[in-house]
Amino acid sequence: FAAPDYFSLVEEGAKCYGRCGYLTEPVTIACAHNFCRVCITQHCEEWEKGTRPELTCPQCREPLQKGEFKPNTQLNNRVQKIKQLRIHPGKGKEPVVDLCGRHEELLKLFCEEDGEAICWVCEKSRDHRSHTVVPIEEAAQDYKVRNGPFLINPLQDPRFILLLLQGQRFKHGCLKLVKEKRAVITGEFNRLHTWLKEEEQGLLQRLAEEERETLQRLQENVTKLSQQSSSLQQLIAELEKKCQQRAAELLKVRDRRSWSVKLQEPGAISTELKNVYKICLAMKEMLQRFWVDMTLDPDTANDTFQDLPDTPERFDTYPEVLGAERFTGGRCYWEVEVGDKTEWTLGVCRESVSKKGMHGKYKARTSPSTPLPVSDSPSRVGIFLDYEAGEVLFYNVTDGSHLFTFTDTFSGTLRPYFHTGLSAGDTNVAPLIICPIPAQARGNL
């Protein structure tokens, strides 16, 4: 018979009975069996939870007291040496490439699809079951044949070849990831270009229809005016003829109602093309791509209902607060529910804005203030910041119209700004509500 493999027997004694591989922080219990500290601790916890009827040694079933185990430093040192022998065998030992990090088994196989060395347990797993797997020596030999002119003797070490194979896998993975990201970006922008082109064509078509309708109404008005002008000229000619008659005949004209002409005012024609402003509705989907989760910075809030410390960051006059987000570039969008409030202020400000001392109809806080021609009071306002373009755009989300665009050259840090307005005798006590990102917008971010 064949003599037993002494190294295998010693190695077997360095493994945990719990099938987790080599012992980690080994401890010895009363019956002299050894386990990983984590394994035996978990075994005791399962007994405490009632999933085990009694607390016994997992190997010999001898009674066990909780916490009745001691660290085995000598065994721990032996386990470390065995691991070293596995990785760096001495003379006369069969060279070992490496151990599987998950199963502590020899990496004797190579998966060609994933480009990595695996053990026999990995081969049976779901991740590699359908892949092409060859012995690691065969994969190394194929690599040497393909790259022979570039190899020198020190590079014949299988472990070095394995590193090269793993490097190729990493490179392949990076290139694949870049390709996928490039496809996603290209696809997204193609979709946006297509969508914008369709919106442009739709708006131009509706604009052309309005142009035709307007010209038609103008032509109808011109025709009516021409008809009225002809009737007036005919009446004037007849009146001039009557003026040549005798006085008795002439006085009869004022009793003749048939000589009167009723002038009709031409129909009013709007000079505004309503579809020009409807583009704001078409831009809503685009704006939602830049929607950010907006939160408030409590250290800047001026709350008269709480006794808060007066710090340099806190407003001290009006009910004001800054957003916690800080913007130094890029684009972002958020919406605020203003309801039927009679006074409020929204926008952005520099982080260095003065927060102490004194700082309504809708107006933009330009200098001087700019009155805004708002036909319907917005119940929800959208704010879009384009830092590089130096623009802050405000939208009436209620009807999709554009309210105002603030233009400046931005530098430094910008913060979202919120002012609920004064209570005005309890007529303006409703809060401002920051709107959460809609589900459909969150999926497009």
Protein backbone atom coordinates (compact mmCIF):
# COMPACT_ATOMS: atom_id res chain seq x y z
CA PHE A 1 0.00 0.00 0.00
CA ALA A 2 1.02 3.60 -0.42
CA ALA A 3 2.46 5.40 2.57
CA PRO A 4 0.20 8.12 3.97
CA ASP A 5 0.94 11.73 2.95
CA TYR A 6 2.21 13.19 6.20
CA PHE A 7 1.82 16.78 5.02
CA SER A 8 -1.83 16.14 4.11
CA LEU A 9 -2.50 14.69 7.56
CA VAL A 10 -0.90 17.67 9.28
CA GLU A 11 -2.76 20.04 6.99
CA GLU A 12 -6.07 18.36 7.79
CA GLY A 13 -5.45 19.01 11.49
CA ALA A 14 -5.07 22.72 10.74
CA LYS A 15 -8.60 23.01 9.34
CA CYS A 16 -11.77 23.85 11.23
CA TYR A 17 -14.40 21.19 11.74
CA GLY A 18 -16.95 23.79 10.68
CA ARG A 19 -15.79 23.39 7.02
CA CYS A 20 -14.70 27.03 6.76
CA GLY A 21 -11.12 26.16 5.76
CA TYR A 22 -7.98 26.83 7.76
CA LEU A 23 -8.44 27.72 11.42
CA THR A 24 -8.68 31.45 12.11
CA GLU A 25 -7.90 32.52 15.68
CA PRO A 26 -8.09 28.88 16.81
CA VAL A 27 -9.45 28.09 20.29
CA THR A 28 -9.55 24.79 22.22
CA ILE A 29 -12.67 23.69 24.13
CA ALA A 30 -12.93 21.32 27.15
CA CYS A 31 -12.93 18.14 25.02
CA ALA A 32 -9.64 19.24 23.38
CA HIS A 33 -11.13 19.84 19.93
CA ASN A 34 -10.14 22.99 18.06
CA PHE A 35 -12.38 25.48 16.25
CA CYS A 36 -12.25 28.99 14.83
CA ARG A 37 -13.25 31.52 17.47
CA VAL A 38 -16.00 32.84 15.17
CA CYS A 39 -17.36 29.34 14.41
CA ILE A 40 -17.67 28.21 18.04
CA THR A 41 -19.09 31.59 19.11
CA GLN A 42 -21.74 31.36 16.41
CA HIS A 43 -22.46 27.78 17.52
CA CYS A 44 -23.14 29.02 21.08
CA GLU A 45 -25.33 31.88 19.85
CA GLU A 46 -27.50 29.46 17.88
CA TRP A 47 -28.04 27.45 21.09
CA GLU A 48 -29.03 30.63 22.95
CA LYS A 49 -31.60 31.46 20.26
CA GLY A 50 -33.18 28.02 20.71
CA THR A 51 -32.22 26.63 17.32
CA ARG A 52 -30.17 23.88 19.04
CA PRO A 53 -31.67 21.68 21.79
CA GLU A 54 -28.44 21.46 23.78
CA LEU A 55 -24.95 22.94 23.79
CA THR A 56 -22.40 20.26 22.81
CA CYS A 57 -19.13 20.01 20.91
CA PRO A 58 -19.90 20.02 17.17
CA GLN A 59 -17.38 17.21 16.63
CA CYS A 60 -17.74 14.72 19.54
CA ARG A 61 -21.05 15.87 21.06
CA GLU A 62 -19.55 16.25 24.53
CA PRO A 63 -21.36 18.82 26.76
CA LEU A 64 -19.97 22.33 26.36
CA GLN A 65 -20.18 25.36 28.62
CA LYS A 66 -20.57 28.75 26.94
CA GLY A 67 -17.29 30.66 26.91
CA GLU A 68 -15.37 27.56 28.01
CA PHE A 69 -12.60 27.78 25.40
CA LYS A 70 -9.04 29.10 25.36
CA PRO A 71 -6.91 30.61 22.57
CA ASN A 72 -4.43 28.11 21.10
CA THR A 73 -1.43 30.22 20.13
CA GLN A 74 0.75 27.24 19.28
CA LEU A 75 -1.84 25.85 16.86
CA ASN A 76 -2.29 29.28 15.30
CA ASN A 77 1.47 29.46 14.56
CA ARG A 78 1.33 25.97 13.05
CA VAL A 79 -1.56 26.96 10.78
CA GLN A 80 0.37 29.97 9.51
CA LYS A 81 3.39 27.79 8.68
CA ILE A 82 1.21 25.29 6.84
CA LYS A 83 -0.26 28.10 4.76
CA GLN A 84 3.28 29.23 3.89
CA LEU A 85 4.23 25.70 2.87
CA ARG A 86 1.20 25.58 0.64
CA ILE A 87 2.23 28.77 -1.14
CA HIS A 88 6.03 28.32 -1.05
CA PRO A 89 6.85 24.57 -0.85
CA GLY A 90 10.35 23.41 -0.06
CA LYS A 91 12.59 21.18 -2.18
CA GLY A 92 11.10 17.95 -3.34
CA LYS A 93 7.59 19.30 -3.04
CA GLU A 94 5.34 19.73 -6.03
CA PRO A 95 5.16 23.44 -6.83
CA VAL A 96 1.87 25.05 -5.97
CA VAL A 97 0.63 28.08 -7.92
CA ASP A 98 -1.69 29.60 -5.31
CA LEU A 99 -4.74 28.98 -3.16
CA CYS A 100 -8.31 29.99 -3.94
CA GLY A 101 -9.26 32.94 -1.75
CA ARG A 102 -12.80 31.63 -1.27
CA HIS A 103 -12.34 27.87 -0.96
CA GLU A 104 -8.69 27.44 0.18
CA GLU A 105 -8.20 24.95 -2.65
CA LEU A 106 -5.41 24.81 -5.25
CA LEU A 107 -5.82 27.05 -8.29
CA LYS A 108 -5.27 24.29 -10.85
CA LEU A 109 -7.78 25.45 -13.48
CA PHE A 110 -8.12 28.50 -15.72
CA CYS A 111 -11.45 29.99 -16.91
CA GLU A 112 -10.97 31.34 -20.44
CA GLU A 113 -14.16 33.45 -20.43
CA ASP A 114 -13.27 35.32 -17.22
CA GLY A 115 -9.51 35.11 -17.66
CA GLU A 116 -8.82 33.96 -14.09
CA ALA A 117 -7.41 30.98 -12.24
CA ILE A 118 -9.98 28.95 -10.30
CA CYS A 119 -10.14 25.85 -8.13
CA TRP A 120 -12.27 22.73 -8.64
CA VAL A 121 -14.99 24.11 -6.36
CA CYS A 122 -15.20 27.29 -8.44
CA GLU A 123 -15.55 25.18 -11.57
CA LYS A 124 -18.70 23.55 -10.18
CA SER A 125 -20.22 26.86 -9.09
CA ARG A 126 -22.88 28.73 -11.03
CA ASP A 127 -20.41 31.46 -12.05
CA HIS A 128 -18.21 29.13 -14.11
CA ARG A 129 -20.46 26.12 -14.80
CA SER A 130 -21.04 27.02 -18.47
CA HIS A 131 -17.54 28.42 -19.13
CA THR A 132 -14.58 26.84 -20.92
CA VAL A 133 -12.13 25.65 -18.23
CA VAL A 134 -8.65 24.20 -18.92
CA PRO A 135 -5.79 23.12 -16.62
CA ILE A 136 -3.66 26.05 -15.48
CA GLU A 137 -0.50 24.47 -16.97
CA GLU A 138 -2.18 24.20 -20.37
CA ALA A 139 -3.30 27.85 -20.23
CA ALA A 140 0.21 28.89 -19.24
CA GLN A 141 1.73 26.87 -22.08
CA ASP A 142 -0.64 28.45 -24.62
CA TYR A 143 0.32 31.87 -23.33
CA LYS A 144 4.01 31.08 -23.65
CA VAL A 145 3.53 29.85 -27.24
CA ARG A 146 1.66 33.03 -28.20
CA ASN A 147 4.11 35.33 -26.44
CA GLY A 148 7.34 33.29 -26.67
CA PRO A 149 9.48 36.00 -28.36
CA PHE A 150 8.73 38.37 -25.49
CA LEU A 151 9.49 35.95 -22.62
CA ILE A 152 12.83 35.46 -20.90
CA ASN A 153 13.76 32.74 -18.47
CA PRO A 154 12.68 34.47 -15.21
CA LEU A 155 9.22 34.89 -16.66
CA GLN A 156 8.70 31.16 -17.01
CA ASP A 157 7.47 31.02 -13.40
CA PRO A 158 3.79 29.93 -13.57
CA ARG A 159 2.94 32.39 -10.83
CA PHE A 160 4.23 35.27 -12.93
CA ILE A 161 2.35 34.00 -15.95
CA LEU A 162 -0.78 33.84 -13.78
CA LEU A 163 -0.27 37.49 -12.88
CA LEU A 164 0.00 38.34 -16.57
CA LEU A 165 -3.18 36.42 -17.29
CA GLN A 166 -4.97 38.22 -14.48
CA GLY A 167 -3.64 41.53 -15.81
CA GLN A 168 -5.07 40.69 -19.21
CA ARG A 169 -8.40 39.95 -17.55
CA PHE A 170 -8.33 43.30 -15.74
CA LYS A 171 -7.49 45.11 -18.98
CA HIS A 172 -10.28 43.25 -20.78
CA GLY A 173 -12.71 44.18 -18.01
CA CYS A 174 -11.72 47.85 -18.14
CA LEU A 175 -12.06 47.99 -21.93
CA LYS A 176 -15.44 46.27 -21.70
CA LEU A 177 -16.62 48.73 -19.03
CA VAL A 178 -15.44 51.72 -21.09
CA LYS A 179 -17.21 50.31 -24.15
CA GLU A 180 -20.44 49.85 -22.22
CA LYS A 181 -20.25 53.36 -20.72
CA ARG A 182 -19.52 54.84 -24.15
CA ALA A 183 -22.56 53.03 -25.57
CA VAL A 184 -24.76 54.33 -22.73
CA ILE A 185 -23.57 57.93 -23.17
CA THR A 186 -23.91 57.79 -26.95
CA GLY A 187 -27.36 56.23 -26.66
CA GLU A 188 -28.54 58.82 -24.15
CA PHE A 189 -27.37 61.75 -26.25
CA ASN A 190 -28.81 60.22 -29.42
CA ARG A 191 -32.11 59.88 -27.61
CA LEU A 192 -31.92 63.49 -26.42
CA HIS A 193 -31.00 64.73 -29.90
CA THR A 194 -33.91 62.80 -31.40
CA TRP A 195 -36.28 64.10 -28.74
CA LEU A 196 -35.11 67.70 -29.21
CA LYS A 197 -35.40 67.40 -32.99
CA GLU A 198 -38.94 66.06 -32.69
CA GLU A 199 -39.85 68.85 -30.26
CA GLU A 200 -38.32 71.44 -32.60
CA GLN A 201 -40.27 70.12 -35.58
CA GLY A 202 -43.49 69.99 -33.55
CA LEU A 203 -43.10 73.56 -32.28
CA LEU A 204 -42.21 74.90 -35.73
CA GLN A 205 -45.22 73.13 -37.22
CA ARG A 206 -47.57 74.59 -34.60
CA LEU A 207 -45.97 78.02 -35.13
CA ALA A 208 -46.57 77.75 -38.88
CA GLU A 209 -50.21 76.82 -38.25
CA GLU A 210 -50.65 79.87 -36.02
CA GLU A 211 -49.00 82.03 -38.67
CA ARG A 212 -51.47 80.79 -41.31
CA GLU A 213 -54.42 81.38 -38.98
CA THR A 214 -53.22 84.91 -38.14
CA LEU A 215 -52.66 85.83 -41.81
CA GLN A 216 -56.10 84.45 -42.67
CA ARG A 217 -57.76 86.60 -39.99
CA LEU A 218 -55.80 89.64 -41.20
CA GLN A 219 -56.95 89.01 -44.77
CA GLU A 220 -60.55 88.71 -43.60
CA ASN A 221 -60.25 92.05 -41.80
CA VAL A 222 -58.74 93.68 -44.92
CA THR A 223 -61.65 92.37 -47.00
CA LYS A 224 -64.21 93.73 -44.53
CA LEU A 225 -62.49 97.12 -44.44
CA SER A 226 -62.38 97.21 -48.24
CA GLN A 227 -66.10 96.49 -48.41
CA GLN A 228 -66.85 99.20 -45.84
CA SER A 229 -64.61 101.67 -47.71
CA SER A 230 -66.49 100.96 -50.95
CA SER A 231 -69.85 101.52 -49.25
CA LEU A 232 -68.63 104.82 -47.77
CA GLN A 233 -67.38 106.05 -51.13
CA GLN A 234 -70.73 105.19 -52.73
CA LEU A 235 -72.59 107.04 -49.96
CA ILE A 236 -70.37 110.11 -50.26
CA ALA A 237 -70.97 110.22 -54.02
CA GLU A 238 -74.73 110.04 -53.58
CA LEU A 239 -74.67 112.73 -50.86
CA GLU A 240 -72.66 115.06 -53.08
CA LYS A 241 -75.25 114.53 -55.83
CA LYS A 242 -78.10 115.34 -53.44
CA CYS A 243 -76.36 118.52 -52.38
CA GLN A 244 -77.01 119.89 -55.90
CA GLN A 245 -80.80 119.55 -55.44
CA ARG A 246 -83.27 122.12 -54.14
CA ALA A 247 -83.45 122.82 -50.41
CA ALA A 248 -86.76 121.00 -49.99
CA GLU A 249 -85.39 117.86 -51.57
CA LEU A 250 -82.11 118.11 -49.66
CA LEU A 251 -83.85 118.26 -46.26
CA LYS A 252 -85.40 114.90 -46.95
CA VAL A 253 -81.94 113.23 -46.65
CA ARG A 254 -81.92 113.34 -42.87
CA ASP A 255 -85.07 111.26 -42.81
CA ARG A 256 -83.56 108.63 -45.01
CA ARG A 257 -81.98 105.95 -42.73
CA SER A 258 -80.96 103.99 -45.79
CA TRP A 259 -78.07 106.40 -46.25
CA SER A 260 -76.42 105.41 -42.97
CA VAL A 261 -73.58 102.88 -42.94
CA LYS A 262 -72.78 100.82 -39.83
CA LEU A 263 -69.03 100.44 -39.58
CA GLN A 264 -67.84 97.15 -38.03
CA GLU A 265 -64.61 97.11 -36.11
CA PRO A 266 -62.23 94.39 -37.39
CA GLY A 267 -61.73 91.42 -35.10
CA ALA A 268 -58.84 91.73 -32.68
CA ILE A 269 -55.77 89.71 -33.56
CA SER A 270 -53.31 88.71 -30.83
CA THR A 271 -49.70 89.57 -31.57
CA GLU A 272 -48.50 86.85 -29.19
CA LEU A 273 -47.94 83.34 -30.44
CA LYS A 274 -48.91 81.09 -27.55
CA ASN A 275 -46.86 78.10 -28.64
CA VAL A 276 -43.62 80.05 -28.25
CA TYR A 277 -44.08 79.83 -24.47
CA LYS A 278 -45.14 76.19 -24.55
CA ILE A 279 -41.52 75.21 -25.10
CA CYS A 280 -41.11 75.40 -21.32
CA LEU A 281 -43.38 72.39 -21.02
CA ALA A 282 -41.28 70.53 -23.57
CA MET A 283 -38.15 71.35 -21.59
CA LYS A 284 -39.53 69.86 -18.34
CA GLU A 285 -38.18 66.39 -19.08
CA MET A 286 -34.75 67.86 -19.83
CA LEU A 287 -34.73 69.84 -16.58
CA GLN A 288 -35.65 66.78 -14.55
CA ARG A 289 -32.39 65.12 -15.60
CA PHE A 290 -30.57 67.60 -13.35
CA TRP A 291 -32.94 67.33 -10.35
CA VAL A 292 -31.10 67.21 -7.02
CA ASP A 293 -32.26 66.13 -3.58
CA MET A 294 -32.45 69.42 -1.71
CA THR A 295 -31.95 69.58 2.06
CA LEU A 296 -31.73 72.54 4.44
CA ASP A 297 -28.83 73.71 6.60
CA PRO A 298 -30.25 74.15 10.14
CA ASP A 299 -27.18 76.15 11.21
CA THR A 300 -28.32 79.03 8.95
CA ALA A 301 -32.04 79.00 9.85
CA ASN A 302 -33.65 81.91 11.69
CA ASP A 303 -36.49 80.31 13.69
CA THR A 304 -38.37 82.57 16.11
CA PHE A 305 -40.05 79.56 17.74
CA GLN A 306 -36.73 78.11 18.98
CA ASP A 307 -34.02 79.56 21.19
CA LEU A 308 -31.06 79.02 18.87
CA PRO A 309 -27.49 80.25 19.39
CA ASP A 310 -26.56 83.38 17.44
CA THR A 311 -23.67 82.19 15.26
CA PRO A 312 -22.04 83.93 12.26
CA GLU A 313 -23.73 81.41 9.93
CA ARG A 314 -27.30 82.10 11.16
CA PHE A 315 -29.73 84.68 9.73
CA ASP A 316 -31.07 86.93 12.47
CA THR A 317 -33.81 89.11 10.90
CA TYR A 318 -36.18 87.33 8.52
CA PRO A 319 -37.38 83.69 8.33
CA GLU A 320 -34.55 82.65 6.01
CA VAL A 321 -32.47 79.51 5.54
CA LEU A 322 -29.85 78.19 3.10
CA GLY A 323 -29.76 74.80 1.45
CA ALA A 324 -27.13 72.34 2.64
CA GLU A 325 -25.93 71.79 -0.94
CA ARG A 326 -22.99 73.81 -2.22
CA PHE A 327 -22.47 74.38 -5.95
CA THR A 328 -19.15 75.25 -7.55
CA GLY A 329 -20.02 74.13 -11.06
CA GLY A 330 -22.35 72.07 -13.23
CA ARG A 331 -26.15 72.19 -13.59
CA CYS A 332 -28.85 71.43 -11.05
CA TYR A 333 -32.63 71.78 -10.74
CA TRP A 334 -35.12 71.72 -7.87
CA GLU A 335 -38.76 72.63 -7.30
CA VAL A 336 -40.49 74.35 -4.38
CA GLU A 337 -44.21 74.27 -3.55
CA VAL A 338 -45.30 77.84 -2.70
CA GLY A 339 -49.05 77.17 -2.68
CA ASP A 340 -51.15 80.34 -2.29
CA LYS A 341 -48.53 82.25 -0.29
CA THR A 342 -48.60 86.00 -0.89
CA GLU A 343 -44.87 86.57 -0.36
CA TRP A 344 -41.77 84.40 -0.67
CA THR A 345 -38.21 84.53 -2.03
CA LEU A 346 -36.34 81.71 -3.78
CA GLY A 347 -33.07 81.41 -5.67
CA VAL A 348 -29.36 81.11 -4.96
CA CYS A 349 -26.83 83.31 -3.20
CA ARG A 350 -23.13 83.36 -2.59
CA GLU A 351 -21.99 81.53 0.52
CA SER A 352 -20.51 84.81 1.75
CA VAL A 353 -23.93 86.53 1.77
CA SER A 354 -24.53 88.74 4.83
CA LYS A 355 -26.81 87.00 7.30
CA LYS A 356 -27.25 89.85 9.77
CA GLY A 357 -29.59 92.86 9.68
CA MET A 358 -32.11 94.02 7.02
CA HIS A 359 -31.44 92.84 3.66
CA GLY A 360 -43.68 92.37 -2.09
CA LYS A 361 -46.40 91.43 -6.53
CA TYR A 362 -43.86 89.12 -8.05
CA LYS A 363 -40.47 90.57 -8.85
CA ALA A 364 -36.93 89.44 -9.52
CA ARG A 365 -34.33 90.52 -6.99
CA THR A 366 -32.27 92.41 -9.52
CA SER A 367 -31.04 95.92 -8.83
CA PRO A 368 -33.45 97.62 -9.21
CA SER A 369 -36.17 94.99 -8.78
CA THR A 370 -37.80 93.71 -11.97
CA PRO A 371 -41.62 93.33 -11.94
CA LEU A 372 -42.72 90.07 -13.55
CA PRO A 373 -45.84 89.85 -15.78
CA VAL A 374 -47.32 86.76 -14.14
CA SER A 375 -50.91 86.13 -15.30
CA ASP A 376 -51.54 83.21 -12.92
CA SER A 377 -49.91 82.90 -9.51
CA PRO A 378 -47.58 79.88 -9.58
CA SER A 379 -48.26 77.27 -6.92
CA ARG A 380 -44.95 75.52 -7.67
CA VAL A 381 -41.69 77.13 -8.82
CA GLY A 382 -38.77 75.41 -10.55
CA ILE A 383 -35.21 76.74 -10.22
CA PHE A 384 -32.50 75.72 -12.71
CA LEU A 385 -28.87 76.71 -12.06
CA ASP A 386 -26.31 76.58 -14.88
CA TYR A 387 -23.09 77.60 -13.12
CA GLU A 388 -20.78 77.75 -16.15
CA ALA A 389 -23.34 79.68 -18.23
CA GLY A 390 -23.90 82.11 -15.35
CA GLU A 391 -27.66 81.66 -15.40
CA VAL A 392 -30.44 80.97 -12.89
CA LEU A 393 -33.76 80.24 -14.60
CA PHE A 394 -37.14 80.31 -12.86
CA TYR A 395 -40.19 78.42 -14.13
CA ASN A 396 -43.87 78.37 -13.26
CA VAL A 397 -44.28 74.60 -12.94
CA THR A 398 -48.04 75.05 -12.67
CA ASP A 399 -48.48 76.09 -16.32
CA GLY A 400 -44.98 75.36 -17.66
CA SER A 401 -44.15 79.00 -18.42
CA HIS A 402 -40.80 80.73 -18.04
CA LEU A 403 -40.76 83.41 -15.32
CA PHE A 404 -37.31 84.99 -15.38
CA THR A 405 -33.63 84.35 -16.15
CA PHE A 406 -31.00 85.87 -13.90
CA THR A 407 -27.62 86.27 -15.62
CA ASP A 408 -24.27 86.88 -13.93
CA THR A 409 -20.69 85.62 -13.84
CA PHE A 410 -20.48 83.09 -11.03
CA SER A 411 -17.41 82.39 -8.93
CA GLY A 412 -16.90 80.69 -5.61
CA THR A 413 -19.60 78.68 -3.87
CA LEU A 414 -23.33 79.19 -4.42
CA ARG A 415 -26.04 78.08 -1.97
CA PRO A 416 -29.81 77.56 -2.45
CA TYR A 417 -31.79 80.34 -0.71
CA PHE A 418 -35.26 80.14 0.89
CA HIS A 419 -37.29 82.97 2.49
CA THR A 420 -40.86 82.16 3.60
CA GLY A 421 -41.89 85.82 3.72
CA LEU A 422 -43.44 87.71 6.62
CA SER A 423 -46.64 86.37 8.19
CA ALA A 424 -48.59 89.54 7.27
CA GLY A 425 -51.15 89.17 10.02
CA ASP A 426 -51.35 85.36 9.69
CA THR A 427 -52.25 85.62 5.99
CA ASN A 428 -48.90 84.24 4.83
CA VAL A 429 -48.04 81.59 7.41
CA ALA A 430 -48.08 78.60 5.04
CA PRO A 431 -44.67 76.89 4.65
CA LEU A 432 -42.48 76.53 1.59
CA ILE A 433 -42.23 72.82 0.69
CA ILE A 434 -39.20 71.41 -1.13
CA CYS A 435 -40.53 68.91 -3.68
CA PRO A 436 -38.94 65.43 -3.75
CA ILE A 437 -37.54 63.99 -6.95
CA PRO A 438 -40.38 62.25 -8.88
CA ALA A 439 -39.94 58.54 -9.53
CA GLN A 440 -39.81 59.05 -13.31
CA ALA A 441 -37.14 61.74 -12.94
CA ARG A 442 -35.09 59.66 -10.47
CA GLY A 443 -34.80 56.89 -13.06
CA ASN A 444 -33.29 59.33 -15.60
CA LEU A 445 -30.62 60.80 -13.33
